[in-house]
C-alpha cells in the first residue's frame, strides 16, 4: 500500500518528502513526538503543494 501511495504522489507531481512511514512502538511516545515535530518542520519548509493536473 505504501509503494502504491508513493507512485500516486509521484504521478501527481508531489514532492516525495511529503510522505513518510515510520515504525514507532506505542511505548515510544518521545520518539513519536520527535518524529512528528521534525516531519512538521520539513513539510513547512517545503511550502504549499504544487500538483500537476491529471487528465
Protein backbone atom coordinates (compact mmCIF):
# COMPACT_ATOMS: atom_id res chain seq x y z
CA UNK A 1 0.00 0.00 0.00
CA UNK A 2 2.83 2.42 0.84
CA UNK A 3 4.54 1.84 -2.51
CA UNK A 4 1.26 2.47 -4.33
CA UNK A 5 0.90 5.76 -2.46
CA UNK A 6 4.48 6.68 -3.41
CA UNK A 7 3.67 6.06 -7.07
CA UNK A 8 0.48 8.12 -6.81
CA UNK A 9 2.18 11.16 -5.30
CA UNK A 10 4.88 10.92 -7.95
CA UNK A 11 2.21 10.83 -10.65
CA UNK A 12 0.60 13.92 -9.14
CA UNK A 13 3.94 15.73 -9.03
CA UNK A 14 4.03 15.94 -5.24
CA UNK A 15 7.46 16.02 -3.60
CA UNK A 16 8.25 12.57 -2.20
CA UNK A 17 9.45 14.18 1.04
CA UNK A 18 5.79 14.82 1.90
CA UNK A 19 5.23 11.11 2.51
CA UNK A 20 6.94 9.29 5.33
CA UNK A 21 6.49 5.93 7.01
CA UNK A 22 7.92 5.37 10.49
CA UNK A 23 7.54 2.29 12.64
CA UNK A 24 7.13 3.50 16.22
CA UNK A 25 6.01 1.36 19.16
CA UNK A 26 3.21 2.58 21.41
CA UNK A 27 5.83 2.62 24.17
CA UNK A 28 7.93 5.17 22.27
CA UNK A 29 5.98 8.35 22.97
CA UNK A 30 9.09 10.52 22.98
CA UNK A 31 10.23 9.16 19.62
CA UNK A 32 6.76 9.76 18.17
CA UNK A 33 6.82 13.38 19.32
CA UNK A 34 10.31 13.90 17.88
CA UNK A 35 9.41 12.36 14.51
CA UNK A 36 6.16 14.34 14.31
CA UNK A 37 7.90 17.61 15.16
CA UNK A 38 10.72 17.03 12.66
CA UNK A 39 8.33 15.98 9.89
CA UNK A 40 6.11 19.00 10.51
CA UNK A 41 9.13 21.31 10.21
CA UNK A 42 10.17 19.60 6.97
CA UNK A 43 6.68 19.92 5.48
CA UNK A 44 6.50 23.60 6.46
CA UNK A 45 9.87 24.16 4.77
CA UNK A 46 8.56 22.61 1.54
CA UNK A 47 5.69 25.10 1.41
CA UNK A 48 2.41 24.64 -0.48
CA UNK A 49 1.86 21.67 -2.78
CA UNK A 50 2.09 22.37 -6.50
CA UNK A 51 0.20 19.48 -8.07
CA UNK A 52 0.10 18.53 -11.72
CA UNK A 53 -3.26 18.36 -13.46
CA UNK A 54 -4.04 14.71 -14.19
CA UNK A 55 -6.49 14.02 -17.01
